N, C-alpha and C. Protein backbone atom coordinates (compact mmCIF):
# COMPACT_ATOMS: atom_id res chain seq x y z
N UNK A 1 15.88 -9.44 -16.56
CA UNK A 1 15.32 -10.41 -17.51
C UNK A 1 14.80 -11.63 -16.75
N UNK A 2 15.43 -12.00 -15.64
CA UNK A 2 14.94 -13.17 -14.90
C UNK A 2 13.56 -12.90 -14.33
N UNK A 3 13.35 -11.66 -13.90
CA UNK A 3 12.01 -11.35 -13.33
C UNK A 3 10.94 -11.47 -14.40
N UNK A 4 11.23 -10.97 -15.59
CA UNK A 4 10.28 -11.05 -16.71
C UNK A 4 10.05 -12.52 -17.08
N UNK A 5 11.13 -13.27 -17.17
CA UNK A 5 11.03 -14.69 -17.50
C UNK A 5 10.20 -15.42 -16.42
N UNK A 6 10.46 -15.07 -15.15
CA UNK A 6 9.67 -15.69 -14.08
C UNK A 6 8.18 -15.45 -14.20
N UNK A 7 7.82 -14.23 -14.55
CA UNK A 7 6.40 -13.90 -14.76
C UNK A 7 5.84 -14.73 -15.93
N UNK A 8 6.54 -14.73 -17.02
CA UNK A 8 6.04 -15.48 -18.21
C UNK A 8 5.90 -16.96 -17.91
N UNK A 9 6.85 -17.51 -17.19
CA UNK A 9 6.79 -18.92 -16.89
C UNK A 9 5.73 -19.23 -15.81
N UNK A 10 5.34 -18.26 -15.04
CA UNK A 10 4.34 -18.50 -13.96
C UNK A 10 2.94 -18.72 -14.50
N UNK A 11 2.69 -18.26 -15.73
CA UNK A 11 1.35 -18.38 -16.28
C UNK A 11 0.46 -17.22 -15.86
N UNK A 12 0.95 -16.26 -15.11
CA UNK A 12 0.18 -15.14 -14.63
C UNK A 12 0.69 -13.84 -15.30
N UNK A 13 0.15 -13.48 -16.41
CA UNK A 13 0.57 -12.20 -17.04
C UNK A 13 -0.12 -11.02 -16.38
N UNK A 14 -1.32 -11.23 -15.88
CA UNK A 14 -2.04 -10.18 -15.13
C UNK A 14 -2.65 -10.80 -13.91
N UNK A 15 -2.89 -10.01 -12.93
CA UNK A 15 -3.59 -10.40 -11.71
C UNK A 15 -2.94 -11.52 -10.93
N UNK A 16 -1.71 -11.75 -11.14
CA UNK A 16 -0.97 -12.82 -10.41
C UNK A 16 -0.23 -12.27 -9.21
N UNK A 17 0.68 -13.04 -8.68
CA UNK A 17 1.43 -12.62 -7.50
C UNK A 17 2.24 -11.34 -7.69
N UNK A 18 2.78 -11.09 -8.87
CA UNK A 18 3.52 -9.88 -9.11
C UNK A 18 2.63 -8.66 -9.12
N UNK A 19 1.39 -8.83 -9.59
CA UNK A 19 0.45 -7.72 -9.57
C UNK A 19 0.12 -7.41 -8.11
N UNK A 20 -0.12 -8.41 -7.30
CA UNK A 20 -0.43 -8.19 -5.90
C UNK A 20 0.76 -7.49 -5.18
N UNK A 21 1.95 -7.90 -5.55
CA UNK A 21 3.15 -7.28 -4.96
C UNK A 21 3.26 -5.83 -5.36
N UNK A 22 3.00 -5.56 -6.66
CA UNK A 22 3.03 -4.19 -7.12
C UNK A 22 1.96 -3.32 -6.46
N UNK A 23 0.77 -3.85 -6.34
CA UNK A 23 -0.31 -3.13 -5.67
C UNK A 23 0.13 -2.70 -4.26
N UNK A 24 0.74 -3.62 -3.52
CA UNK A 24 1.19 -3.35 -2.18
C UNK A 24 2.30 -2.28 -2.16
N UNK A 25 3.28 -2.46 -3.00
CA UNK A 25 4.40 -1.51 -3.04
C UNK A 25 3.95 -0.11 -3.47
N UNK A 26 3.12 -0.09 -4.51
CA UNK A 26 2.63 1.21 -4.99
C UNK A 26 1.72 1.92 -3.99
N UNK A 27 0.88 1.15 -3.32
CA UNK A 27 0.04 1.74 -2.29
C UNK A 27 0.89 2.36 -1.17
N UNK A 28 1.94 1.61 -0.76
CA UNK A 28 2.83 2.14 0.30
C UNK A 28 3.49 3.44 -0.17
N UNK A 29 3.96 3.46 -1.41
CA UNK A 29 4.64 4.64 -1.94
C UNK A 29 3.67 5.81 -2.10
N UNK A 30 2.34 5.52 -2.13
CA UNK A 30 1.32 6.57 -2.29
C UNK A 30 0.70 6.91 -0.95
N UNK A 31 1.26 6.44 0.15
CA UNK A 31 0.72 6.71 1.49
C UNK A 31 -0.67 6.15 1.66
N UNK A 32 -0.92 4.97 1.13
CA UNK A 32 -2.24 4.33 1.26
C UNK A 32 -2.02 2.90 1.79
N UNK A 33 -3.07 2.38 2.42
CA UNK A 33 -2.98 1.00 2.97
C UNK A 33 -3.18 -0.03 1.87
N UNK A 34 -4.01 0.25 0.88
CA UNK A 34 -4.37 -0.74 -0.13
C UNK A 34 -4.28 -0.17 -1.51
N UNK A 35 -4.03 -1.05 -2.49
CA UNK A 35 -4.06 -0.68 -3.89
C UNK A 35 -4.74 -1.77 -4.68
N UNK A 36 -5.49 -1.40 -5.69
CA UNK A 36 -6.24 -2.37 -6.53
C UNK A 36 -5.98 -2.04 -7.99
N UNK A 37 -5.53 -3.01 -8.75
CA UNK A 37 -5.30 -2.82 -10.17
C UNK A 37 -6.63 -2.83 -10.92
N UNK A 38 -6.72 -2.00 -11.94
CA UNK A 38 -7.89 -2.00 -12.81
C UNK A 38 -7.42 -1.95 -14.23
N UNK A 39 -8.30 -2.33 -15.14
CA UNK A 39 -7.92 -2.37 -16.55
C UNK A 39 -7.75 -1.01 -17.18
N UNK A 40 -8.48 -0.03 -16.68
CA UNK A 40 -8.38 1.35 -17.21
C UNK A 40 -8.96 2.32 -16.22
N UNK A 41 -8.80 3.60 -16.53
CA UNK A 41 -9.24 4.65 -15.59
C UNK A 41 -10.75 4.72 -15.52
N UNK A 42 -11.42 4.42 -16.63
CA UNK A 42 -12.90 4.40 -16.57
C UNK A 42 -13.38 3.36 -15.56
N UNK A 43 -12.80 2.20 -15.54
CA UNK A 43 -13.13 1.19 -14.58
C UNK A 43 -12.79 1.64 -13.16
N UNK A 44 -11.63 2.28 -13.04
CA UNK A 44 -11.23 2.77 -11.71
C UNK A 44 -12.20 3.83 -11.17
N UNK A 45 -12.57 4.74 -12.04
CA UNK A 45 -13.56 5.77 -11.64
C UNK A 45 -14.88 5.13 -11.24
N UNK A 46 -15.37 4.17 -12.03
CA UNK A 46 -16.59 3.48 -11.71
C UNK A 46 -16.48 2.78 -10.36
N UNK A 47 -15.37 2.08 -10.12
CA UNK A 47 -15.20 1.41 -8.83
C UNK A 47 -15.13 2.38 -7.67
N UNK A 48 -14.54 3.56 -7.91
CA UNK A 48 -14.50 4.59 -6.89
C UNK A 48 -15.89 5.08 -6.53
N UNK A 49 -16.68 5.35 -7.55
CA UNK A 49 -18.09 5.80 -7.35
C UNK A 49 -18.89 4.72 -6.60
N UNK A 50 -18.73 3.50 -7.03
CA UNK A 50 -19.41 2.36 -6.41
C UNK A 50 -18.95 2.18 -4.96
N UNK A 51 -17.65 2.19 -4.77
CA UNK A 51 -17.09 1.95 -3.43
C UNK A 51 -17.48 3.03 -2.42
N UNK A 52 -17.59 4.28 -2.90
CA UNK A 52 -17.99 5.34 -2.01
C UNK A 52 -19.52 5.51 -1.88
N UNK A 53 -20.22 4.61 -2.58
CA UNK A 53 -21.68 4.61 -2.57
C UNK A 53 -22.29 5.95 -2.96
N UNK A 54 -21.79 6.49 -4.07
CA UNK A 54 -22.34 7.73 -4.59
C UNK A 54 -23.80 7.44 -5.03
N UNK A 55 -24.66 8.36 -4.67
CA UNK A 55 -26.07 8.17 -4.98
C UNK A 55 -26.29 8.15 -6.50
N UNK A 56 -27.04 7.18 -6.96
CA UNK A 56 -27.47 7.14 -8.36
C UNK A 56 -28.32 8.37 -8.65
N UNK A 57 -28.21 8.89 -9.82
CA UNK A 57 -28.95 10.06 -10.31
C UNK A 57 -28.51 11.37 -9.65
N UNK A 58 -27.48 11.30 -8.76
CA UNK A 58 -27.00 12.53 -8.15
C UNK A 58 -26.06 13.22 -9.14
N UNK A 59 -25.59 14.38 -8.76
CA UNK A 59 -24.62 15.11 -9.59
C UNK A 59 -23.22 14.85 -9.07
N UNK A 60 -22.30 14.71 -9.98
CA UNK A 60 -20.85 14.56 -9.67
C UNK A 60 -20.16 15.69 -10.38
N UNK A 61 -19.49 16.55 -9.64
CA UNK A 61 -18.75 17.68 -10.23
C UNK A 61 -17.42 17.22 -10.72
N UNK A 62 -17.14 17.53 -11.98
CA UNK A 62 -15.87 17.22 -12.60
C UNK A 62 -15.33 18.46 -13.30
N UNK A 63 -14.01 18.57 -13.47
CA UNK A 63 -13.49 19.76 -14.19
C UNK A 63 -13.90 19.72 -15.67
N UNK A 64 -14.09 20.90 -16.22
CA UNK A 64 -14.42 20.99 -17.64
C UNK A 64 -13.27 20.57 -18.51
N UNK A 65 -12.08 20.62 -18.00
CA UNK A 65 -10.86 20.23 -18.75
C UNK A 65 -10.40 18.88 -18.19
N UNK A 66 -10.92 17.80 -18.74
CA UNK A 66 -10.57 16.46 -18.32
C UNK A 66 -10.77 15.47 -19.47
N UNK A 67 -10.24 14.29 -19.33
CA UNK A 67 -10.45 13.26 -20.36
C UNK A 67 -11.90 12.78 -20.34
N UNK A 68 -12.39 12.34 -21.46
CA UNK A 68 -13.80 11.91 -21.60
C UNK A 68 -14.15 10.79 -20.61
N UNK A 69 -13.19 9.98 -20.19
CA UNK A 69 -13.46 8.89 -19.29
C UNK A 69 -14.09 9.35 -17.96
N UNK A 70 -13.74 10.55 -17.54
CA UNK A 70 -14.27 11.05 -16.27
C UNK A 70 -15.79 11.14 -16.36
N UNK A 71 -16.25 11.83 -17.37
CA UNK A 71 -17.71 11.98 -17.54
C UNK A 71 -18.37 10.65 -17.90
N UNK A 72 -17.70 9.85 -18.73
CA UNK A 72 -18.25 8.57 -19.15
C UNK A 72 -18.48 7.65 -17.98
N UNK A 73 -17.52 7.55 -17.07
CA UNK A 73 -17.65 6.71 -15.89
C UNK A 73 -18.80 7.15 -15.00
N UNK A 74 -18.94 8.44 -14.86
CA UNK A 74 -20.02 8.99 -14.04
C UNK A 74 -21.36 8.61 -14.65
N UNK A 75 -21.53 8.80 -15.95
CA UNK A 75 -22.76 8.45 -16.65
C UNK A 75 -23.03 6.93 -16.59
N UNK A 76 -22.01 6.15 -16.85
CA UNK A 76 -22.15 4.69 -16.80
C UNK A 76 -22.57 4.24 -15.43
N UNK A 77 -22.08 4.87 -14.41
CA UNK A 77 -22.42 4.50 -13.02
C UNK A 77 -23.89 4.85 -12.75
N UNK A 78 -24.44 5.85 -13.41
CA UNK A 78 -25.85 6.23 -13.19
C UNK A 78 -26.02 7.57 -12.54
N UNK A 79 -24.95 8.34 -12.44
CA UNK A 79 -25.03 9.70 -11.95
C UNK A 79 -24.83 10.65 -13.10
N UNK A 80 -24.96 11.94 -12.84
CA UNK A 80 -24.86 12.97 -13.89
C UNK A 80 -23.63 13.83 -13.66
N UNK A 81 -22.76 13.96 -14.64
CA UNK A 81 -21.60 14.85 -14.49
C UNK A 81 -22.06 16.31 -14.60
N UNK A 82 -21.48 17.16 -13.82
CA UNK A 82 -21.68 18.59 -13.93
C UNK A 82 -20.30 19.20 -14.04
N UNK A 83 -20.09 20.00 -15.08
CA UNK A 83 -18.75 20.49 -15.38
C UNK A 83 -18.51 21.79 -14.66
N UNK A 84 -17.33 21.88 -14.04
CA UNK A 84 -16.89 23.07 -13.36
C UNK A 84 -15.75 23.71 -14.13
N UNK A 85 -15.78 25.00 -14.31
CA UNK A 85 -14.73 25.70 -15.04
C UNK A 85 -13.43 25.51 -14.30
N UNK A 86 -12.33 25.73 -15.02
CA UNK A 86 -11.00 25.48 -14.47
C UNK A 86 -10.23 26.79 -14.32
N UNK A 87 -9.24 26.78 -13.43
CA UNK A 87 -8.37 27.89 -13.18
C UNK A 87 -7.26 27.91 -14.28
N UNK A 88 -6.36 28.87 -14.20
CA UNK A 88 -5.31 29.01 -15.20
C UNK A 88 -4.38 27.81 -15.25
N UNK A 89 -4.27 27.01 -14.18
CA UNK A 89 -3.37 25.85 -14.20
C UNK A 89 -4.08 24.58 -14.74
N UNK A 90 -5.32 24.69 -15.14
CA UNK A 90 -6.06 23.57 -15.70
C UNK A 90 -6.88 22.77 -14.70
N UNK A 91 -6.70 23.08 -13.39
CA UNK A 91 -7.43 22.39 -12.33
C UNK A 91 -8.74 23.10 -12.05
N UNK A 92 -9.64 22.40 -11.34
CA UNK A 92 -10.94 22.94 -11.02
C UNK A 92 -10.76 24.33 -10.31
N UNK A 93 -11.55 25.27 -10.74
CA UNK A 93 -11.57 26.61 -10.16
C UNK A 93 -12.43 26.57 -8.90
N UNK A 94 -11.82 26.71 -7.75
CA UNK A 94 -12.52 26.53 -6.48
C UNK A 94 -13.59 27.58 -6.25
N UNK A 95 -13.42 28.78 -6.79
CA UNK A 95 -14.51 29.79 -6.71
C UNK A 95 -15.72 29.35 -7.49
N UNK A 96 -15.51 28.87 -8.72
CA UNK A 96 -16.60 28.35 -9.52
C UNK A 96 -17.21 27.11 -8.87
N UNK A 97 -16.37 26.28 -8.27
CA UNK A 97 -16.91 25.11 -7.56
C UNK A 97 -17.86 25.55 -6.45
N UNK A 98 -17.42 26.56 -5.69
CA UNK A 98 -18.29 27.05 -4.61
C UNK A 98 -19.61 27.57 -5.15
N UNK A 99 -19.58 28.23 -6.30
CA UNK A 99 -20.82 28.74 -6.90
C UNK A 99 -21.74 27.57 -7.31
N UNK A 100 -21.16 26.53 -7.87
CA UNK A 100 -21.97 25.36 -8.25
C UNK A 100 -22.61 24.72 -7.03
N UNK A 101 -21.81 24.53 -5.98
CA UNK A 101 -22.33 23.88 -4.80
C UNK A 101 -23.41 24.73 -4.08
N UNK A 102 -23.28 26.03 -4.17
CA UNK A 102 -24.28 26.93 -3.59
C UNK A 102 -25.62 26.82 -4.33
N UNK A 103 -25.54 26.57 -5.67
CA UNK A 103 -26.71 26.57 -6.53
C UNK A 103 -27.36 25.18 -6.62
N UNK A 104 -26.55 24.13 -6.74
CA UNK A 104 -27.06 22.78 -7.00
C UNK A 104 -27.25 22.04 -5.68
N UNK A 105 -28.40 21.40 -5.52
CA UNK A 105 -28.71 20.71 -4.24
C UNK A 105 -28.41 19.22 -4.30
N UNK A 106 -28.27 18.65 -5.47
CA UNK A 106 -28.15 17.19 -5.60
C UNK A 106 -26.70 16.71 -5.85
N UNK A 107 -25.69 17.50 -5.42
CA UNK A 107 -24.33 17.07 -5.66
C UNK A 107 -23.92 16.13 -4.56
N UNK A 108 -23.39 14.96 -4.93
CA UNK A 108 -22.96 13.97 -3.95
C UNK A 108 -21.45 13.72 -3.97
N UNK A 109 -20.78 14.08 -5.10
CA UNK A 109 -19.37 13.73 -5.21
C UNK A 109 -18.64 14.77 -6.06
N UNK A 110 -17.37 14.87 -5.84
CA UNK A 110 -16.48 15.72 -6.65
C UNK A 110 -15.27 14.87 -7.06
N UNK A 111 -14.90 15.01 -8.33
CA UNK A 111 -13.70 14.34 -8.81
C UNK A 111 -12.71 15.41 -9.23
N UNK A 112 -11.86 15.87 -8.31
CA UNK A 112 -10.81 16.82 -8.75
C UNK A 112 -9.74 16.07 -9.51
N UNK A 113 -9.30 16.65 -10.61
CA UNK A 113 -8.24 16.04 -11.40
C UNK A 113 -7.01 16.91 -11.26
N UNK A 114 -6.00 16.35 -10.64
CA UNK A 114 -4.71 17.04 -10.51
C UNK A 114 -4.00 16.95 -11.88
N UNK A 115 -4.01 18.07 -12.62
CA UNK A 115 -3.59 18.03 -14.01
C UNK A 115 -2.19 18.58 -14.22
N UNK A 116 -1.50 18.01 -15.13
CA UNK A 116 -0.15 18.47 -15.57
C UNK A 116 0.87 18.56 -14.46
N UNK A 117 0.68 17.73 -13.42
CA UNK A 117 1.60 17.76 -12.27
C UNK A 117 1.25 18.80 -11.26
N UNK A 118 0.23 19.60 -11.49
CA UNK A 118 -0.20 20.64 -10.58
C UNK A 118 -1.30 20.13 -9.62
N UNK A 119 -1.07 20.15 -8.32
CA UNK A 119 -2.13 19.74 -7.41
C UNK A 119 -3.29 20.74 -7.42
N UNK A 120 -4.48 20.22 -7.23
CA UNK A 120 -5.64 21.09 -7.02
C UNK A 120 -5.54 21.77 -5.68
N UNK A 121 -6.33 22.77 -5.44
CA UNK A 121 -6.34 23.49 -4.17
C UNK A 121 -7.14 22.63 -3.15
N UNK A 122 -6.45 21.62 -2.61
CA UNK A 122 -7.11 20.68 -1.74
C UNK A 122 -7.58 21.25 -0.43
N UNK A 123 -6.99 22.31 0.03
CA UNK A 123 -7.42 22.97 1.24
C UNK A 123 -8.87 23.51 1.06
N UNK A 124 -9.10 24.19 -0.03
CA UNK A 124 -10.42 24.74 -0.31
C UNK A 124 -11.40 23.65 -0.74
N UNK A 125 -10.93 22.68 -1.50
CA UNK A 125 -11.81 21.58 -1.87
C UNK A 125 -12.26 20.80 -0.65
N UNK A 126 -11.32 20.56 0.29
CA UNK A 126 -11.65 19.88 1.51
C UNK A 126 -12.68 20.66 2.34
N UNK A 127 -12.43 21.98 2.44
CA UNK A 127 -13.39 22.83 3.19
C UNK A 127 -14.78 22.76 2.55
N UNK A 128 -14.85 22.88 1.26
CA UNK A 128 -16.16 22.85 0.55
C UNK A 128 -16.81 21.46 0.67
N UNK A 129 -16.02 20.40 0.58
CA UNK A 129 -16.59 19.07 0.67
C UNK A 129 -17.17 18.80 2.04
N UNK A 130 -16.53 19.31 3.07
CA UNK A 130 -17.03 19.16 4.43
C UNK A 130 -18.31 19.98 4.60
N UNK A 131 -18.31 21.20 4.10
CA UNK A 131 -19.45 22.09 4.20
C UNK A 131 -20.69 21.49 3.54
N UNK A 132 -20.48 20.83 2.39
CA UNK A 132 -21.61 20.33 1.61
C UNK A 132 -21.75 18.80 1.69
N UNK A 133 -20.93 18.15 2.49
CA UNK A 133 -21.05 16.69 2.67
C UNK A 133 -20.73 15.90 1.42
N UNK A 134 -19.68 16.29 0.65
CA UNK A 134 -19.35 15.64 -0.59
C UNK A 134 -18.40 14.47 -0.41
N UNK A 135 -18.52 13.47 -1.25
CA UNK A 135 -17.53 12.41 -1.36
C UNK A 135 -16.51 12.86 -2.40
N UNK A 136 -15.28 12.47 -2.25
CA UNK A 136 -14.20 12.90 -3.12
C UNK A 136 -13.45 11.70 -3.69
N UNK A 137 -13.24 11.76 -5.00
CA UNK A 137 -12.34 10.80 -5.67
C UNK A 137 -11.26 11.66 -6.30
N UNK A 138 -10.04 11.53 -5.81
CA UNK A 138 -8.93 12.31 -6.40
C UNK A 138 -8.33 11.58 -7.60
N UNK A 139 -8.32 12.23 -8.77
CA UNK A 139 -7.69 11.68 -9.93
C UNK A 139 -6.27 12.24 -10.01
N UNK A 140 -5.31 11.42 -9.65
CA UNK A 140 -3.88 11.78 -9.56
C UNK A 140 -3.10 11.30 -10.75
N UNK A 141 -3.75 10.89 -11.82
CA UNK A 141 -3.09 10.24 -12.93
C UNK A 141 -1.94 11.06 -13.52
N UNK A 142 -2.09 12.38 -13.52
CA UNK A 142 -1.06 13.21 -14.09
C UNK A 142 -0.24 13.97 -13.02
N UNK A 143 -0.35 13.54 -11.78
CA UNK A 143 0.39 14.24 -10.73
C UNK A 143 0.98 13.31 -9.71
N UNK A 144 1.37 12.11 -10.13
CA UNK A 144 1.95 11.12 -9.20
C UNK A 144 3.19 11.73 -8.58
N UNK A 145 3.25 11.67 -7.26
CA UNK A 145 4.40 12.18 -6.51
C UNK A 145 4.28 13.66 -6.16
N UNK A 146 3.33 14.38 -6.75
CA UNK A 146 3.14 15.79 -6.44
C UNK A 146 2.56 15.93 -5.01
N UNK A 147 2.76 17.08 -4.42
CA UNK A 147 2.20 17.31 -3.07
C UNK A 147 1.57 18.67 -2.98
N UNK A 148 0.67 18.80 -2.00
CA UNK A 148 0.02 20.07 -1.72
C UNK A 148 0.15 20.31 -0.22
N UNK A 149 0.80 21.40 0.11
CA UNK A 149 1.03 21.72 1.53
C UNK A 149 1.68 20.58 2.29
N UNK A 150 2.66 19.89 1.65
CA UNK A 150 3.40 18.82 2.30
C UNK A 150 2.73 17.47 2.31
N UNK A 151 1.56 17.34 1.74
CA UNK A 151 0.85 16.06 1.61
C UNK A 151 0.79 15.61 0.18
N UNK A 152 1.01 14.35 -0.05
CA UNK A 152 0.93 13.79 -1.42
C UNK A 152 -0.51 13.94 -1.92
N UNK A 153 -0.61 14.24 -3.23
CA UNK A 153 -1.95 14.26 -3.81
C UNK A 153 -2.51 12.84 -3.70
N UNK A 154 -3.76 12.78 -3.43
CA UNK A 154 -4.42 11.50 -3.22
C UNK A 154 -4.51 11.13 -1.78
N UNK A 155 -3.81 11.83 -0.88
CA UNK A 155 -3.84 11.44 0.53
C UNK A 155 -4.90 12.20 1.29
N UNK A 156 -5.68 13.01 0.61
CA UNK A 156 -6.70 13.83 1.25
C UNK A 156 -8.03 13.09 1.49
N UNK A 157 -8.28 12.06 0.69
CA UNK A 157 -9.56 11.35 0.76
C UNK A 157 -9.35 9.86 0.66
N UNK A 158 -10.42 9.13 0.83
CA UNK A 158 -10.36 7.65 0.84
C UNK A 158 -10.03 7.03 -0.49
N UNK A 159 -10.30 7.73 -1.58
CA UNK A 159 -10.13 7.09 -2.89
C UNK A 159 -9.34 8.01 -3.82
N UNK A 160 -8.30 7.43 -4.37
CA UNK A 160 -7.53 8.18 -5.39
C UNK A 160 -7.21 7.22 -6.54
N UNK A 161 -7.01 7.84 -7.70
CA UNK A 161 -6.70 7.08 -8.89
C UNK A 161 -5.36 7.50 -9.40
N UNK A 162 -4.52 6.52 -9.76
CA UNK A 162 -3.25 6.78 -10.40
C UNK A 162 -3.20 5.92 -11.63
N UNK A 163 -2.43 6.30 -12.60
CA UNK A 163 -2.36 5.47 -13.77
C UNK A 163 -1.00 5.52 -14.44
N UNK A 164 -0.78 4.54 -15.28
CA UNK A 164 0.42 4.46 -16.07
C UNK A 164 0.02 4.33 -17.53
N UNK A 165 0.32 5.28 -18.31
CA UNK A 165 -0.01 5.27 -19.74
C UNK A 165 1.01 6.10 -20.48
N UNK A 166 1.18 5.89 -21.73
CA UNK A 166 2.30 6.54 -22.48
C UNK A 166 2.27 8.07 -22.38
N UNK A 167 1.18 8.72 -22.19
CA UNK A 167 1.18 10.19 -22.14
C UNK A 167 1.24 10.69 -20.69
N UNK A 168 1.48 9.80 -19.71
CA UNK A 168 1.64 10.18 -18.31
C UNK A 168 3.09 10.17 -17.96
N UNK A 169 3.41 10.43 -16.72
CA UNK A 169 4.80 10.48 -16.29
C UNK A 169 5.48 9.11 -16.33
N UNK A 170 4.72 8.07 -16.09
CA UNK A 170 5.26 6.70 -16.03
C UNK A 170 4.67 5.92 -17.22
N UNK A 171 5.34 4.88 -17.61
CA UNK A 171 4.91 4.15 -18.81
C UNK A 171 4.57 2.72 -18.51
N UNK A 172 3.38 2.32 -18.81
CA UNK A 172 2.90 0.97 -18.71
C UNK A 172 1.53 0.96 -19.32
N UNK A 173 0.93 -0.18 -19.45
CA UNK A 173 -0.38 -0.26 -20.08
C UNK A 173 -1.50 -0.33 -19.06
N UNK A 174 -1.19 -0.36 -17.80
CA UNK A 174 -2.20 -0.50 -16.76
C UNK A 174 -2.51 0.81 -16.10
N UNK A 175 -3.68 0.85 -15.51
CA UNK A 175 -4.05 1.98 -14.64
C UNK A 175 -4.35 1.41 -13.30
N UNK A 176 -4.26 2.22 -12.25
CA UNK A 176 -4.37 1.74 -10.88
C UNK A 176 -5.38 2.56 -10.09
N UNK A 177 -6.12 1.89 -9.27
CA UNK A 177 -7.06 2.51 -8.34
C UNK A 177 -6.49 2.24 -6.98
N UNK A 178 -6.07 3.30 -6.26
CA UNK A 178 -5.45 3.16 -4.95
C UNK A 178 -6.39 3.75 -3.91
N UNK A 179 -6.63 3.03 -2.87
CA UNK A 179 -7.56 3.50 -1.86
C UNK A 179 -7.16 3.05 -0.49
N UNK A 180 -7.67 3.68 0.51
CA UNK A 180 -7.40 3.30 1.90
C UNK A 180 -8.36 2.24 2.41
N UNK A 181 -9.29 1.82 1.59
CA UNK A 181 -10.25 0.80 2.00
C UNK A 181 -9.84 -0.54 1.43
N UNK A 182 -9.99 -1.63 2.19
CA UNK A 182 -9.65 -2.96 1.68
C UNK A 182 -10.63 -3.44 0.63
N UNK A 183 -10.22 -4.42 -0.19
CA UNK A 183 -11.13 -5.00 -1.15
C UNK A 183 -12.28 -5.66 -0.42
N UNK A 184 -13.46 -5.62 -1.00
CA UNK A 184 -14.59 -6.21 -0.33
C UNK A 184 -14.67 -7.72 -0.53
N UNK A 185 -14.00 -8.23 -1.56
CA UNK A 185 -13.96 -9.70 -1.74
C UNK A 185 -12.89 -10.09 -2.73
């Protein structure tokens, strides 16, 4: 209760010293150097696209089974979402992903969504991204703490998204954008 009272008395309900402290602690727990709080996942996705300098009007591959914010953020940023079918676990089907990448020439980014606590096949996604020169934003909102081949989800690329919302594993009203890159300002 003292901690809550201290925050209330500080005048900083958001973006204050406790937010900075949480960003640091959560980034460390996620095996990242930096963490940045955002108001929602749409904003985090937009910041990820912006920070990775995804080409405007390019294609961004997203799973067909995802929340509307994934496609909305891509469209708001100025790129076009292209939907990839999913495997039986709800994650992007890497065979279908390979087919899309073979056919489409203007793909610049992939947003794999680790769904229901199940990590995506990051070995194959990493191989394909290197083959085709893709940027990756890992959406780990529903798989915090999960790992793939001994590595935490989100540790495969420079940008990952984690969130806290009532229908996720953790409960809070904020969502978080965690990345290995420092804030630009």
